[in-house]
N, C-alpha and C. Protein backbone atom coordinates (compact mmCIF):
# COMPACT_ATOMS: atom_id res chain seq x y z
N MET A 1 -7.17 -35.74 5.76
CA MET A 1 -7.14 -35.44 7.38
C MET A 1 -6.73 -34.13 7.49
N TYR A 2 -6.44 -33.15 6.35
CA TYR A 2 -6.56 -31.88 6.59
C TYR A 2 -8.01 -31.72 7.22
N ARG A 3 -8.43 -30.71 7.83
CA ARG A 3 -9.29 -30.50 8.68
C ARG A 3 -10.66 -31.17 8.80
N GLU A 4 -10.10 -32.48 8.90
CA GLU A 4 -10.95 -33.58 9.42
C GLU A 4 -10.99 -33.34 11.22
N ILE A 5 -10.21 -32.80 11.94
CA ILE A 5 -10.43 -32.63 13.61
C ILE A 5 -10.81 -31.30 14.17
N HIS A 6 -9.90 -30.24 12.92
CA HIS A 6 -10.46 -29.03 13.89
C HIS A 6 -10.68 -28.11 12.47
N GLU A 7 -12.45 -28.55 12.52
CA GLU A 7 -13.21 -27.81 11.59
C GLU A 7 -13.68 -26.38 11.82
N LEU A 8 -13.23 -25.39 10.36
CA LEU A 8 -13.31 -24.07 10.64
C LEU A 8 -14.81 -23.89 11.20
N PRO A 9 -14.99 -22.59 11.62
CA PRO A 9 -16.76 -22.59 12.18
C PRO A 9 -17.28 -21.58 11.02
N TYR A 10 -18.43 -21.61 11.25
CA TYR A 10 -19.32 -21.26 9.79
C TYR A 10 -19.32 -19.96 9.77
N GLN A 11 -18.92 -18.72 9.25
CA GLN A 11 -18.84 -17.04 10.02
C GLN A 11 -20.15 -16.48 8.35
N SER A 12 -21.61 -16.48 8.98
CA SER A 12 -22.13 -16.14 7.65
C SER A 12 -21.82 -14.42 7.74
N GLY A 13 -21.60 -13.91 8.13
CA GLY A 13 -21.10 -11.95 8.17
C GLY A 13 -22.27 -11.42 8.35
N LEU A 14 -23.49 -12.12 9.06
CA LEU A 14 -24.65 -11.70 9.03
C LEU A 14 -24.36 -11.20 10.49
N LYS A 15 -25.25 -9.57 11.15
CA LYS A 15 -25.08 -9.25 12.33
C LYS A 15 -26.28 -9.77 13.32
N GLU A 16 -26.30 -9.97 14.54
CA GLU A 16 -27.67 -10.51 15.43
C GLU A 16 -28.38 -8.96 15.61
N ILE A 17 -29.64 -8.88 15.12
CA ILE A 17 -30.55 -7.98 15.43
C ILE A 17 -30.86 -7.46 16.91
N PHE A 18 -30.31 -6.40 17.23
CA PHE A 18 -31.04 -6.43 18.78
C PHE A 18 -32.04 -5.80 18.95
N PHE A 19 -32.48 -4.48 18.22
CA PHE A 19 -33.63 -3.62 17.91
C PHE A 19 -33.91 -3.55 16.55
N SER A 20 -34.84 -3.58 15.95
CA SER A 20 -35.49 -3.28 14.87
C SER A 20 -36.91 -2.40 14.80
N LEU A 21 -36.83 -1.44 13.80
CA LEU A 21 -37.68 -0.16 13.95
C LEU A 21 -38.48 -0.50 12.37
N GLY A 22 -39.27 -0.66 11.93
CA GLY A 22 -39.62 -0.94 10.47
C GLY A 22 -38.59 -1.69 9.79
N PRO A 23 -38.25 -1.06 9.05
CA PRO A 23 -36.99 -1.67 7.71
C PRO A 23 -35.97 -1.34 8.39
N LEU A 24 -35.40 -0.59 9.42
CA LEU A 24 -34.56 -0.29 9.99
C LEU A 24 -34.09 -1.54 10.88
N ALA A 25 -32.90 -2.18 10.97
CA ALA A 25 -32.88 -2.90 12.35
C ALA A 25 -30.72 -2.80 12.49
N PHE A 26 -30.89 -2.71 13.86
CA PHE A 26 -29.72 -2.44 14.05
C PHE A 26 -28.98 -3.85 15.49
N SER A 27 -27.59 -3.90 15.28
CA SER A 27 -27.08 -4.83 16.28
C SER A 27 -27.06 -3.85 17.78
N LEU A 28 -26.71 -4.52 18.74
CA LEU A 28 -26.04 -4.30 19.85
C LEU A 28 -25.09 -2.66 19.97
N GLY A 29 -24.25 -2.60 19.14
CA GLY A 29 -23.14 -1.90 19.12
C GLY A 29 -24.05 -0.62 18.30
N GLU A 30 -24.85 -0.96 17.02
CA GLU A 30 -25.33 0.25 16.22
C GLU A 30 -26.09 1.04 17.15
N PHE A 31 -27.29 0.07 18.33
CA PHE A 31 -28.08 0.56 18.79
C PHE A 31 -27.09 1.74 20.15
N ALA A 32 -26.60 1.01 20.46
CA ALA A 32 -25.70 2.09 21.61
C ALA A 32 -25.00 3.30 21.07
N TRP A 33 -23.99 3.41 19.65
CA TRP A 33 -24.23 4.28 19.43
C TRP A 33 -25.70 5.54 18.64
N ILE A 34 -26.62 4.97 18.13
CA ILE A 34 -27.30 5.77 18.22
C ILE A 34 -28.43 6.26 19.82
N ALA A 35 -28.41 5.24 20.11
CA ALA A 35 -28.77 5.60 22.16
C ALA A 35 -28.21 6.96 22.52
N ALA A 36 -26.67 6.77 22.44
CA ALA A 36 -25.70 7.97 22.30
C ALA A 36 -25.95 9.24 21.94
N GLY A 37 -26.33 9.50 20.70
CA GLY A 37 -26.82 10.16 19.56
C GLY A 37 -28.09 10.81 20.27
N VAL A 38 -29.31 10.24 20.44
CA VAL A 38 -30.17 10.53 20.85
C VAL A 38 -30.37 11.72 22.35
N ILE A 39 -29.35 10.80 23.12
CA ILE A 39 -28.98 11.47 24.67
C ILE A 39 -27.92 12.59 24.31
N VAL A 40 -27.40 12.87 23.50
CA VAL A 40 -26.74 13.98 23.35
C VAL A 40 -27.90 15.26 22.48
N SER A 41 -28.59 14.62 21.51
CA SER A 41 -28.93 15.55 20.78
C SER A 41 -30.15 16.05 22.03
N TYR A 42 -30.47 15.39 22.82
CA TYR A 42 -31.57 15.56 24.12
C TYR A 42 -30.89 16.85 24.74
N LYS A 43 -29.87 16.79 25.26
CA LYS A 43 -28.84 17.40 26.22
C LYS A 43 -28.98 18.37 25.49
N MET A 44 -28.50 18.80 24.12
CA MET A 44 -28.66 19.98 23.39
C MET A 44 -29.41 20.79 22.74
N THR A 45 -30.51 20.25 23.35
CA THR A 45 -32.27 20.70 23.34
C THR A 45 -32.05 21.69 24.31
N GLN A 46 -31.57 21.18 25.32
CA GLN A 46 -31.75 22.15 26.88
C GLN A 46 -30.76 23.05 26.86
N ILE A 47 -29.68 22.92 26.17
CA ILE A 47 -28.43 24.25 26.38
C ILE A 47 -28.49 24.73 25.25
N VAL A 48 -28.51 24.62 24.07
CA VAL A 48 -28.34 25.40 23.35
C VAL A 48 -30.25 25.94 22.81
N PRO A 49 -29.73 27.17 22.35
CA PRO A 49 -31.55 27.59 22.17
C PRO A 49 -31.79 27.31 20.61
N PRO A 50 -33.06 27.41 19.95
CA PRO A 50 -33.50 27.74 18.73
C PRO A 50 -32.56 28.47 18.04
N ILE A 51 -32.41 28.67 17.10
CA ILE A 51 -32.24 29.53 15.94
C ILE A 51 -32.54 30.77 15.42
N PRO A 52 -32.60 31.94 16.08
CA PRO A 52 -33.54 32.81 16.05
C PRO A 52 -34.00 33.35 14.39
N LEU A 53 -34.99 33.99 13.89
CA LEU A 53 -35.28 34.58 12.80
C LEU A 53 -35.25 33.66 11.75
N LEU A 54 -35.91 32.31 12.09
CA LEU A 54 -35.88 31.30 10.78
C LEU A 54 -37.51 30.76 11.16
N PRO A 55 -38.10 30.12 10.38
CA PRO A 55 -39.51 29.71 10.17
C PRO A 55 -39.41 28.28 11.14
N PHE A 56 -40.51 28.10 11.56
CA PHE A 56 -40.44 27.01 12.30
C PHE A 56 -39.59 25.68 12.05
N PRO A 57 -40.00 24.87 11.37
CA PRO A 57 -39.07 23.61 10.96
C PRO A 57 -37.32 24.05 10.92
N LEU A 58 -36.91 25.32 10.56
CA LEU A 58 -35.47 25.96 10.19
C LEU A 58 -34.78 25.63 11.59
N LYS A 59 -35.65 26.34 12.36
CA LYS A 59 -34.87 26.52 13.65
C LYS A 59 -34.39 25.73 14.63
N TYR A 60 -35.44 24.72 14.51
CA TYR A 60 -34.13 23.25 15.16
C TYR A 60 -33.69 22.59 14.49
N LEU A 61 -33.17 22.90 12.94
CA LEU A 61 -32.25 22.34 12.24
C LEU A 61 -31.01 21.66 13.01
N HIS A 62 -30.57 22.20 13.70
CA HIS A 62 -29.44 21.74 14.68
C HIS A 62 -29.25 21.07 15.42
N TYR A 63 -30.38 20.65 16.17
CA TYR A 63 -30.83 19.39 17.23
C TYR A 63 -30.69 18.15 16.90
N PRO A 64 -31.12 17.41 15.24
CA PRO A 64 -30.60 16.14 15.18
C PRO A 64 -29.47 15.81 14.59
N ILE A 65 -28.40 17.21 14.45
CA ILE A 65 -26.88 16.81 13.96
C ILE A 65 -26.05 16.10 14.66
N PRO A 66 -26.21 15.92 16.12
CA PRO A 66 -25.18 14.75 17.06
C PRO A 66 -26.17 13.26 16.37
N LEU A 67 -27.47 13.09 16.31
CA LEU A 67 -27.78 12.23 16.12
C LEU A 67 -27.30 11.50 14.80
N LEU A 68 -27.44 12.49 13.52
CA LEU A 68 -27.11 11.84 12.07
C LEU A 68 -25.32 11.65 12.23
N VAL A 69 -24.83 12.35 13.13
CA VAL A 69 -23.51 11.93 13.63
C VAL A 69 -22.81 10.79 13.70
N ALA A 70 -23.88 10.13 15.00
CA ALA A 70 -23.83 9.07 15.53
C ALA A 70 -24.55 7.54 14.77
N TYR A 71 -25.60 8.02 13.54
CA TYR A 71 -26.13 7.01 12.99
C TYR A 71 -24.88 6.93 11.96
N PHE A 72 -24.33 8.00 11.82
CA PHE A 72 -22.87 7.55 10.42
C PHE A 72 -21.88 6.69 11.23
N PHE A 73 -21.76 6.92 12.14
CA PHE A 73 -20.65 6.23 12.82
C PHE A 73 -21.25 4.77 13.02
N ALA A 74 -22.35 4.32 12.94
CA ALA A 74 -22.37 3.12 13.85
C ALA A 74 -22.93 2.38 12.35
N LYS A 75 -22.80 2.78 11.19
CA LYS A 75 -23.37 2.07 9.73
C LYS A 75 -22.50 2.45 8.58
N ALA A 76 -21.29 2.85 9.39
CA ALA A 76 -20.51 3.06 8.06
C ALA A 76 -19.20 2.15 8.24
N SER A 77 -18.44 2.05 7.74
CA SER A 77 -17.19 0.83 7.48
C SER A 77 -16.00 1.37 6.66
N HIS A 78 -14.84 0.81 6.97
CA HIS A 78 -14.08 1.12 6.15
C HIS A 78 -14.01 0.55 4.89
N PRO A 79 -14.22 0.75 3.61
CA PRO A 79 -14.03 -0.10 2.35
C PRO A 79 -13.59 -0.64 2.36
N ALA A 80 -12.07 -0.50 2.54
CA ALA A 80 -11.19 -2.16 2.28
C ALA A 80 -11.12 -3.03 3.01
N THR A 81 -11.02 -2.25 4.25
CA THR A 81 -11.18 -3.59 5.45
C THR A 81 -12.60 -3.80 5.68
N GLY A 82 -13.59 -3.17 5.12
CA GLY A 82 -14.91 -4.20 6.46
C GLY A 82 -15.18 -3.59 7.61
N VAL A 83 -13.77 -3.10 8.60
CA VAL A 83 -13.92 -2.31 9.58
C VAL A 83 -15.17 -1.26 10.12
N PRO A 84 -15.26 -1.42 11.13
CA PRO A 84 -16.26 -0.29 11.37
C PRO A 84 -15.44 0.73 11.56
N LEU A 85 -15.90 2.33 11.06
CA LEU A 85 -15.16 3.34 10.87
C LEU A 85 -14.59 3.82 12.10
N TRP A 86 -15.11 4.13 13.51
CA TRP A 86 -15.18 4.68 14.20
C TRP A 86 -13.47 3.69 14.38
N LYS A 87 -13.78 2.46 14.60
CA LYS A 87 -12.36 1.57 15.18
C LYS A 87 -11.42 1.71 14.42
N TYR A 88 -11.43 1.70 12.73
CA TYR A 88 -10.60 2.59 12.24
C TYR A 88 -9.86 3.57 12.44
N ILE A 89 -10.67 4.27 12.83
CA ILE A 89 -10.04 5.93 12.80
C ILE A 89 -9.40 5.48 14.48
N LEU A 90 -10.11 5.02 15.40
CA LEU A 90 -9.53 4.70 16.79
C LEU A 90 -7.43 3.82 16.58
N ARG A 91 -7.64 2.65 15.71
CA ARG A 91 -6.74 1.92 15.45
C ARG A 91 -5.38 3.03 14.77
N TRP A 92 -5.98 3.81 13.60
CA TRP A 92 -5.09 4.90 12.98
C TRP A 92 -4.49 5.78 13.63
N VAL A 93 -5.11 6.45 14.65
CA VAL A 93 -4.65 7.01 15.77
C VAL A 93 -3.59 6.43 16.73
N ALA A 94 -4.21 5.33 17.20
CA ALA A 94 -3.19 4.54 18.35
C ALA A 94 -1.56 4.42 17.37
N VAL A 95 -1.96 3.91 15.63
CA VAL A 95 -0.41 4.05 15.37
C VAL A 95 -0.09 5.39 14.92
N ARG A 96 -0.48 5.89 14.69
CA ARG A 96 0.04 7.64 14.84
C ARG A 96 0.78 7.89 15.73
N ARG A 97 0.14 7.75 17.35
CA ARG A 97 0.91 8.04 18.07
C ARG A 97 1.70 7.43 19.23
N ARG A 98 2.16 6.25 18.49
CA ARG A 98 2.87 5.11 19.10
C ARG A 98 3.86 6.06 19.28
N GLN A 99 5.08 5.32 20.17
CA GLN A 99 6.57 5.65 20.21
C GLN A 99 7.00 4.93 19.43
N ARG A 100 7.71 5.95 18.54
CA ARG A 100 8.93 4.75 17.19
C ARG A 100 10.28 5.45 17.96
N VAL A 101 10.30 3.99 17.01
CA VAL A 101 12.03 3.77 17.42
C VAL A 101 12.40 3.37 16.40
N PHE A 102 13.76 4.46 15.90
CA PHE A 102 14.30 3.86 14.54
C PHE A 102 15.87 3.87 14.58
N TYR A 103 16.04 2.76 13.72
CA TYR A 103 17.23 1.94 13.78
C TYR A 103 18.04 2.31 12.50
N TYR A 104 19.19 3.01 12.65
CA TYR A 104 19.77 4.01 12.18
C TYR A 104 21.18 2.97 11.47
N ARG A 105 21.68 2.79 10.43
CA ARG A 105 22.95 2.45 10.42
C ARG A 105 23.42 2.78 9.50
N LYS A 106 24.55 2.90 9.72
CA LYS A 106 25.70 3.84 8.49
C LYS A 106 26.07 2.83 7.50
N ILE A 107 26.18 3.17 6.15
CA ILE A 107 26.05 2.53 4.88
C ILE A 107 27.31 2.81 4.24
N ASN A 108 27.86 2.22 3.42
CA ASN A 108 29.37 2.46 3.21
C ASN A 108 29.26 2.67 1.66
N THR A 109 28.61 3.84 1.27
CA THR A 109 28.30 4.64 -0.27
C THR A 109 29.28 4.71 -1.13
N ALA A 110 30.48 5.26 -0.46
CA ALA A 110 31.28 5.10 -1.11
C ALA A 110 32.02 4.09 -2.29
N LYS A 111 31.97 2.93 -1.67
CA LYS A 111 32.70 1.74 -2.43
C LYS A 111 31.76 0.89 -2.97
N GLY A 112 29.94 1.19 -2.86
CA GLY A 112 28.92 1.29 -3.55
C GLY A 112 28.18 -0.16 -3.44
N GLY A 113 28.55 -0.60 -1.73
CA GLY A 113 27.87 -1.56 -1.51
C GLY A 113 27.00 -1.39 -0.15
N ASP A 114 26.80 -2.27 0.71
CA ASP A 114 25.73 -1.96 1.53
C ASP A 114 26.18 -2.86 2.77
N ARG A 115 27.60 -2.76 2.49
CA ARG A 115 28.58 -3.19 3.78
C ARG A 115 28.84 -2.22 4.86
N HIS A 116 28.73 -2.65 6.16
CA HIS A 116 28.71 -1.98 7.56
C HIS A 116 30.19 -1.23 7.90
N ILE A 117 30.52 -0.07 8.23
CA ILE A 117 31.81 0.35 8.16
C ILE A 117 32.39 -0.10 9.46
């Protein structure tokens, strides 16, 4: 009778591919992270000038940094839980910032018990 009426759905653990570029395949969420990184990198090229006094490839080295950070957050996950790293960080901050309520209780330590006074 157990599991005959309510079957558990099959969870393969595979992500649906939204966009693929050669060997790289991205889900919709990963693609959104990388698109945001491309936009920030492009805006950075308009605002921040190249580093002077460096040869050609090195003077533009700081432009792909936002894209690399976005790619890291798109692909990284917390090793113990498997939750995406950005979601884990947001949950950790929410737990740290929550309103805490502490309930204190007087304990009778003179008589050696955990009785209320």
